[in-house]
Protein backbone atom coordinates (compact mmCIF):
# COMPACT_ATOMS: atom_id res chain seq x y z
CA MET A 1 0.02 -6.97 20.58
CA PRO A 2 2.15 -4.21 19.24
CA PRO A 3 1.13 -0.57 19.37
CA VAL A 4 -0.83 0.91 16.58
CA THR A 5 0.84 3.11 14.17
CA GLU A 6 -0.97 6.54 14.39
CA ILE A 7 -1.51 8.53 11.50
CA VAL A 8 -1.02 12.34 11.82
CA TYR A 9 -1.82 14.61 9.01
CA LEU A 10 0.13 17.87 8.24
CA ASP A 11 -1.51 20.31 6.00
CA GLU A 12 1.34 22.55 5.41
CA ILE A 13 5.06 23.11 6.32
CA PRO A 14 5.54 26.47 8.28
CA GLY A 15 7.01 29.45 6.49
CA PRO A 16 10.51 30.76 7.21
CA ALA A 17 9.30 32.76 10.12
CA GLY A 18 8.28 29.79 12.03
CA ALA A 19 4.42 29.95 11.87
CA PRO A 20 2.77 26.96 13.60
CA PRO A 21 2.10 24.06 11.23
CA ARG A 22 -1.38 22.86 10.81
CA THR A 23 -1.86 19.13 11.66
CA SER A 24 -4.73 16.88 12.37
CA PRO A 25 -5.23 13.31 13.55
CA ARG A 26 -6.51 10.58 11.27
CA GLY A 27 -9.49 11.48 9.15
CA ASP A 28 -9.69 15.14 10.02
CA THR A 29 -7.37 17.11 7.66
CA GLY A 30 -8.76 20.52 8.81
CA ALA A 31 -8.30 20.57 12.38
CA ARG A 32 -5.35 21.86 14.50
CA GLN A 33 -3.54 19.59 16.71
CA SER A 34 -1.31 20.99 19.44
CA ASP A 35 0.84 17.77 20.03
CA LEU A 36 3.05 17.85 17.01
CA ASN A 37 5.81 17.81 19.56
CA ARG A 38 5.16 14.21 20.11
CA LEU A 39 6.65 13.55 16.75
CA GLN A 40 9.74 15.80 17.36
CA ARG A 41 13.23 14.80 18.32
CA GLY A 42 12.79 11.53 16.89
CA VAL A 43 14.00 9.47 13.94
CA LEU A 44 12.55 9.89 10.50
CA SER A 45 12.36 8.04 7.18
CA ILE A 46 10.79 9.87 4.20
CA GLY A 47 9.41 7.80 1.42
CA ASN A 48 6.13 6.68 -0.23
CA PHE A 49 6.03 3.43 1.33
CA ASP A 50 3.29 2.18 -1.07
CA GLY A 51 2.89 -1.45 -0.60
CA VAL A 52 5.32 -1.55 2.51
CA HIS A 53 7.13 -4.22 0.81
CA LEU A 54 10.19 -6.28 2.00
CA GLY A 55 12.52 -3.32 1.06
CA HIS A 56 10.36 -0.81 3.08
CA GLN A 57 10.08 -3.37 5.99
CA SER A 58 13.89 -3.65 6.15
CA LEU A 59 14.24 0.09 6.46
CA LEU A 60 11.38 0.49 8.97
CA ARG A 61 12.95 -2.11 11.21
CA ARG A 62 16.28 -0.05 11.17
CA LEU A 63 14.22 3.10 11.81
CA ARG A 64 12.60 1.45 14.80
CA SER A 65 15.93 0.44 16.44
CA MET A 66 17.58 3.66 15.87
CA ALA A 67 14.73 5.43 17.54
CA ASP A 68 15.30 3.05 20.40
CA GLU A 69 19.09 3.88 20.50
CA LEU A 70 18.23 7.67 20.43
CA GLY A 71 15.25 7.57 22.76
CA GLY A 72 12.75 9.23 20.55
CA PRO A 73 9.78 8.32 18.37
CA SER A 74 10.06 6.45 15.03
CA VAL A 75 8.23 8.40 12.18
CA ALA A 76 7.62 7.24 8.82
CA ILE A 77 6.70 10.22 6.32
CA VAL A 78 4.82 10.10 3.16
CA PHE A 79 3.46 12.85 0.77
CA ASP A 80 -0.31 12.72 -0.11
CA PRO A 81 -1.29 12.81 -2.99
CA HIS A 82 1.84 11.10 -4.51
CA PRO A 83 4.01 13.97 -6.00
CA ALA A 84 3.42 12.29 -9.51
CA GLU A 85 -0.34 13.27 -9.28
CA ILE A 86 0.67 16.74 -9.31
CA LEU A 87 3.60 16.66 -11.59
CA ARG A 88 2.32 14.26 -14.12
CA PRO A 89 -1.42 14.18 -13.46
CA GLU A 90 -1.93 12.43 -16.87
CA ASN A 91 -0.19 9.27 -15.72
CA PRO A 92 -0.09 8.82 -11.85
CA PRO A 93 1.08 5.57 -10.45
CA PRO A 94 -1.81 3.47 -9.08
CA ARG A 95 -1.90 2.87 -5.41
CA LEU A 96 -1.05 -0.50 -3.96
CA THR A 97 -2.10 0.60 -0.37
CA THR A 98 -4.45 3.17 1.19
CA LEU A 99 -2.73 5.18 3.80
CA PRO A 100 -4.63 3.32 6.81
CA ARG A 101 -3.47 0.10 5.44
CA ARG A 102 0.19 1.35 5.29
CA ALA A 103 -0.09 2.22 8.97
CA ASP A 104 -1.62 -1.11 9.73
CA LEU A 105 1.25 -2.86 7.99
CA MET A 106 3.87 -0.61 9.70
CA SER A 107 2.28 -1.29 13.23
CA PRO A 108 3.87 -5.01 13.67
CA LEU A 109 7.20 -3.24 12.82
CA GLY A 110 6.97 -0.86 15.88
CA ILE A 111 6.43 2.40 14.01
CA ASP A 112 5.10 5.11 16.25
CA PHE A 113 3.79 7.57 13.54
CA LEU A 114 2.75 7.76 10.05
CA LEU A 115 3.01 11.48 9.11
CA VAL A 116 1.03 12.36 6.04
CA CYS A 117 2.04 15.56 4.52
CA ARG A 118 -0.37 17.17 2.04
CA THR A 119 1.60 17.57 -1.26
CA THR A 120 1.06 20.93 -2.75
CA GLN A 121 3.06 22.88 -5.47
CA ALA A 122 4.55 25.20 -2.93
CA LEU A 123 5.99 22.17 -1.19
CA LEU A 124 7.28 20.67 -4.36
CA ASN A 125 9.09 24.04 -5.25
CA LEU A 126 11.04 24.13 -1.85
CA SER A 127 14.83 23.94 -2.45
CA PRO A 128 16.58 21.04 -0.78
CA ASP A 129 17.95 23.47 1.88
CA ASP A 130 14.59 24.86 2.51
CA PHE A 131 12.99 21.49 2.78
CA PHE A 132 15.70 20.38 5.24
CA ASP A 133 15.64 23.56 7.43
CA ARG A 134 11.88 24.08 7.49
CA PHE A 135 10.65 20.52 7.72
CA ILE A 136 13.39 18.12 9.03
CA LEU A 137 15.03 20.85 11.42
CA SER A 138 12.41 23.39 12.43
CA THR A 139 9.20 21.41 12.06
CA LEU A 140 10.36 17.96 13.35
CA ALA A 141 13.46 18.72 15.12
CA ALA A 142 14.77 15.33 14.02
CA ARG A 143 17.81 13.56 15.86
CA GLY A 144 18.27 11.03 13.10
CA MET A 145 17.36 9.68 9.62
CA VAL A 146 17.03 6.35 7.95
CA GLU A 147 16.78 6.39 4.04
CA GLY A 148 17.32 4.17 1.08
CA PRO A 149 20.16 4.59 -1.33
CA ASN A 150 17.94 6.40 -4.00
CA PHE A 151 16.51 9.03 -1.73
CA CYS A 152 16.12 12.53 -3.03
CA PHE A 153 14.35 15.62 -1.71
CA GLY A 154 13.57 19.01 -2.54
CA LYS A 155 12.65 20.65 -5.77
CA ASP A 156 13.26 18.59 -8.89
CA ARG A 157 14.90 16.05 -6.66
CA ARG A 158 18.17 18.00 -6.38
CA GLY A 159 18.79 16.98 -2.80
CA ASP A 160 20.81 13.59 -2.91
CA ILE A 161 22.45 11.48 -0.21
CA PRO A 162 25.81 13.34 -0.21
CA MET A 163 23.91 16.55 0.49
CA LEU A 164 21.78 15.03 3.07
CA ARG A 165 24.85 13.52 4.76
CA GLN A 166 26.45 17.04 4.62
CA ARG A 167 23.41 18.66 6.16
CA CYS A 168 22.94 15.90 8.91
CA ASP A 169 26.79 16.04 9.90
CA LYS A 170 26.45 19.67 10.34
CA GLN A 171 23.58 19.43 12.72
CA GLN A 172 25.08 16.30 14.35
CA MET A 173 22.22 14.18 13.33
CA GLN A 174 22.68 10.62 12.82
CA LEU A 175 21.95 9.26 9.27
CA GLU A 176 21.95 5.80 7.99
CA ILE A 177 21.50 4.73 4.40
CA VAL A 178 20.01 1.16 4.17
CA THR A 179 21.10 -1.12 1.37
CA ALA A 180 18.20 -1.77 -0.97
CA ALA A 181 16.65 -5.18 -0.68
CA ASP A 182 16.58 -7.38 -3.83
CA ASP A 183 14.98 -10.62 -4.85
CA GLY A 184 18.33 -12.05 -6.12
CA ALA A 185 17.91 -10.29 -9.56
CA GLU A 186 16.63 -6.70 -9.05
CA MET A 187 15.87 -4.26 -6.44
CA ILE A 188 12.55 -4.61 -4.91
CA SER A 189 10.19 -1.58 -5.71
CA SER A 190 6.74 -0.56 -5.66
CA SER A 191 7.18 0.07 -9.48
CA ARG A 192 7.92 -3.56 -10.06
CA ILE A 193 5.12 -4.83 -8.03
CA ARG A 194 2.90 -2.70 -9.98
CA GLN A 195 4.52 -4.04 -13.25
CA CYS A 196 3.89 -7.60 -11.90
CA LEU A 197 0.30 -6.99 -11.19
CA SER A 198 -0.26 -5.45 -14.50
CA GLN A 199 1.11 -8.77 -15.97
CA SER A 200 -1.01 -10.86 -13.85
CA ASP A 201 1.91 -12.14 -11.90
CA VAL A 202 0.43 -11.70 -8.63
CA ALA A 203 2.80 -14.65 -7.04
CA SER A 204 6.03 -12.66 -7.90
CA ALA A 205 4.28 -9.50 -6.34
CA ALA A 206 3.47 -11.39 -3.26
CA ALA A 207 7.10 -12.59 -3.10
CA MET A 208 8.18 -8.88 -3.07
CA LEU A 209 5.62 -7.69 -0.61
CA GLY A 210 6.13 -10.59 1.79
CA ARG A 211 2.37 -11.31 1.62
CA PRO A 212 -0.37 -11.38 -1.06
CA HIS A 213 -1.51 -8.17 -2.68
CA ARG A 214 -4.69 -7.02 -1.09
CA VAL A 215 -7.54 -5.15 -2.79
CA SER A 216 -10.54 -4.24 -0.54
CA GLY A 217 -14.04 -3.09 -1.72
CA PHE A 218 -17.66 -3.08 -0.99
CA VAL A 219 -20.03 -5.94 -1.79
CA VAL A 220 -23.04 -4.98 -4.07
CA THR A 221 -25.82 -6.88 -5.42
CA GLY A 222 -24.88 -8.63 -8.74
CA ASP A 223 -26.95 -10.30 -11.48
CA GLN A 224 -27.09 -13.61 -9.33
CA ARG A 225 -26.06 -15.69 -12.42
CA GLY A 226 -23.35 -17.54 -10.38
CA ARG A 227 -25.74 -18.62 -7.69
CA LYS A 228 -27.87 -20.10 -10.43
CA ILE A 229 -25.25 -22.39 -11.76
CA GLY A 230 -23.90 -23.26 -8.24
CA PHE A 231 -20.94 -20.75 -7.88
CA PRO A 232 -22.50 -17.79 -5.93
CA THR A 233 -20.06 -14.71 -6.15
CA ALA A 234 -19.72 -11.42 -4.03
CA ASN A 235 -19.43 -8.64 -6.43
CA LEU A 236 -17.02 -5.89 -5.45
CA ASP A 237 -17.39 -2.33 -6.02
CA GLN A 238 -15.65 0.89 -5.02
CA TRP A 239 -12.02 -0.53 -4.54
CA SER A 240 -9.31 2.21 -4.41
CA THR A 241 -6.02 0.31 -4.96
CA MET A 242 -4.58 -1.34 -7.86
CA ALA A 243 -6.28 -4.68 -9.05
CA PRO A 244 -4.32 -6.97 -11.17
CA SER A 245 -4.98 -7.50 -15.01
CA PRO A 246 -8.16 -9.35 -16.07
CA GLY A 247 -7.89 -12.99 -15.18
CA VAL A 248 -8.89 -15.73 -12.77
CA TYR A 249 -6.94 -16.00 -9.70
CA SER A 250 -6.83 -17.96 -6.59
CA GLY A 251 -6.81 -16.05 -3.28
CA ARG A 252 -8.08 -15.39 0.24
CA VAL A 253 -10.80 -13.24 1.61
CA GLU A 254 -11.06 -11.68 4.93
CA LEU A 255 -14.63 -10.75 6.18
CA GLU A 256 -15.46 -7.91 8.50
CA SER A 257 -15.63 -10.52 11.21
CA GLY A 258 -12.09 -11.30 10.75
CA ALA A 259 -12.92 -14.74 9.28
CA GLN A 260 -10.74 -16.01 6.43
CA HIS A 261 -11.57 -18.16 3.59
CA PRO A 262 -10.08 -19.28 0.26
CA ALA A 263 -11.61 -17.89 -2.68
CA ALA A 264 -11.60 -18.01 -6.64
CA ILE A 265 -11.53 -14.61 -8.09
CA HIS A 266 -12.76 -13.61 -11.52
CA LEU A 267 -11.40 -10.20 -12.60
CA GLY A 268 -12.69 -8.84 -16.00
CA PRO A 269 -15.60 -9.11 -18.43
CA ASN A 270 -18.01 -12.26 -18.46
CA PRO A 271 -17.78 -13.01 -22.27
CA THR A 272 -19.91 -16.22 -22.10
CA PHE A 273 -22.97 -14.23 -21.00
CA GLU A 274 -22.37 -10.76 -22.09
CA THR A 275 -21.11 -8.95 -25.21
CA ASP A 276 -19.97 -5.79 -23.39
CA MET A 277 -16.28 -5.82 -21.97
CA LYS A 278 -17.25 -4.06 -18.47
CA LEU A 279 -14.94 -5.02 -15.86
CA LYS A 280 -16.34 -7.06 -12.84
CA PHE A 281 -14.78 -7.99 -9.80
CA GLU A 282 -16.44 -11.27 -8.58
CA ILE A 283 -15.35 -13.64 -5.64
CA HIS A 284 -16.58 -17.01 -5.19
CA VAL A 285 -15.76 -17.64 -1.38
CA LEU A 286 -15.11 -21.19 -0.54
CA ASP A 287 -16.58 -22.96 2.64
CA TYR A 288 -19.02 -19.92 3.12
CA SER A 289 -22.72 -19.77 2.89
CA GLY A 290 -23.70 -16.49 4.64
CA SER A 291 -24.66 -13.21 3.10
CA LEU A 292 -21.85 -10.63 2.17
CA TYR A 293 -23.94 -7.79 0.94
CA ASP A 294 -22.79 -4.44 2.00
CA GLN A 295 -19.71 -5.69 3.74
CA ILE A 296 -16.20 -4.54 3.05
CA LEU A 297 -14.27 -7.51 1.79
CA ALA A 298 -10.64 -7.73 1.78
CA VAL A 299 -9.28 -9.83 -1.17
CA ASP A 300 -5.68 -11.28 -1.25
CA PHE A 301 -4.38 -12.45 -4.42
CA ILE A 302 -2.21 -15.52 -4.15
CA ASP A 303 -1.71 -16.81 -7.76
CA HIS A 304 -2.86 -16.59 -11.33
CA ILE A 305 -5.14 -19.52 -12.59
CA ARG A 306 -5.97 -18.56 -16.16
CA ALA A 307 -6.99 -15.99 -18.39
CA VAL A 308 -10.75 -14.92 -18.95
CA HIS A 309 -12.55 -16.49 -21.96
CA SER A 310 -15.73 -17.50 -23.35
CA PHE A 311 -17.20 -20.89 -23.31
CA ALA A 312 -19.47 -22.70 -25.74
CA SER A 313 -21.99 -23.62 -23.10
CA VAL A 314 -23.03 -23.20 -19.47
CA ASP A 315 -21.89 -26.88 -18.95
CA ASP A 316 -18.48 -26.23 -20.34
CA LEU A 317 -18.28 -23.03 -18.02
CA ILE A 318 -19.35 -25.23 -14.96
CA ALA A 319 -16.77 -27.83 -15.56
CA GLN A 320 -13.96 -25.17 -15.88
CA LEU A 321 -15.04 -23.38 -12.53
CA LYS A 322 -15.03 -26.81 -10.70
CA ARG A 323 -11.32 -27.13 -11.96
CA ASP A 324 -10.65 -23.38 -10.69
CA VAL A 325 -11.97 -24.18 -7.46
CA ALA A 326 -9.70 -27.36 -7.13
CA THR A 327 -6.82 -25.28 -8.18
CA THR A 328 -7.66 -22.48 -5.57
CA ARG A 329 -7.77 -25.02 -2.88
CA ARG A 330 -4.38 -26.39 -4.01
CA HIS A 331 -2.71 -22.77 -4.20
CA TYR A 332 -4.27 -21.96 -0.91
CA LEU A 333 -3.02 -24.75 1.01
CA ASN A 334 0.50 -24.40 -0.77
CA TRP A 335 0.45 -20.93 0.44
CA MET A 336 -0.65 -21.55 4.02
CA ASN A 337 2.01 -24.43 4.44
CA ARG A 338 4.81 -22.26 2.86
């Protein structure tokens, strides 16, 4: 079993005078932690890593191998909240993954630490030189870096790859620029994955992620209408990552017990029964009859089945739901046997 990627939170980058940074372990962003040195003299990669898609995975594998070569820890670094939430608060990108999920996905790749730096206006105002000197050198004493070809750093993204290479060469720090992964047509990116999800193309999103897109939420009590017609559903609430556009999808659920089941997913309004357009997230879990109330349910989207629409009668709806379940089983088996 691979070691778990440990999350460490850095509240602020120390000032020019070298004041000690404020750090904390997972879930406690206000505490001081004296062992920041565990992250020092390692190999860094700075990015957002939202989704930990195939491009990220390629970069992170090289991060791990360079850390082995240099004999230091591998440290993936993200800024939270996303800088766009501060710079463009009216239109921030929706999250594909929570921070704990990113750490979970990095663990099989052998990444030692996920360092989460709190994004502030002061941080965003650092010049490229100040960012390099105060963060990469003084705070983390990095021995190497691995980045993608579009990496930028410092205020207004003024620091680019040539500048980074110049600074690394001066410090005799190893730097490797990893070629961007593509799907044969375009570069794989979190933005493209978000676009696919917004267009209900969860299959293309899964191809770029290397796995189905996952949304987790809390199961709450619904109106029991599905149970009355033979298709009980778990009603999801409080999900914190991007859901696809409304539609009916095939997928898989993972219960808190770790058990996994195929699932037919309805995301959107219920126009057959209701006139309002309130978004509902309903999951019909196949081959399962137990209670799911008050559980955290992880829902993986495999493929799109159809759009949401109204039916003339309950019998017509039931007939369509039976077809949806059959399609879900077929998609699930195809995905399992891929």
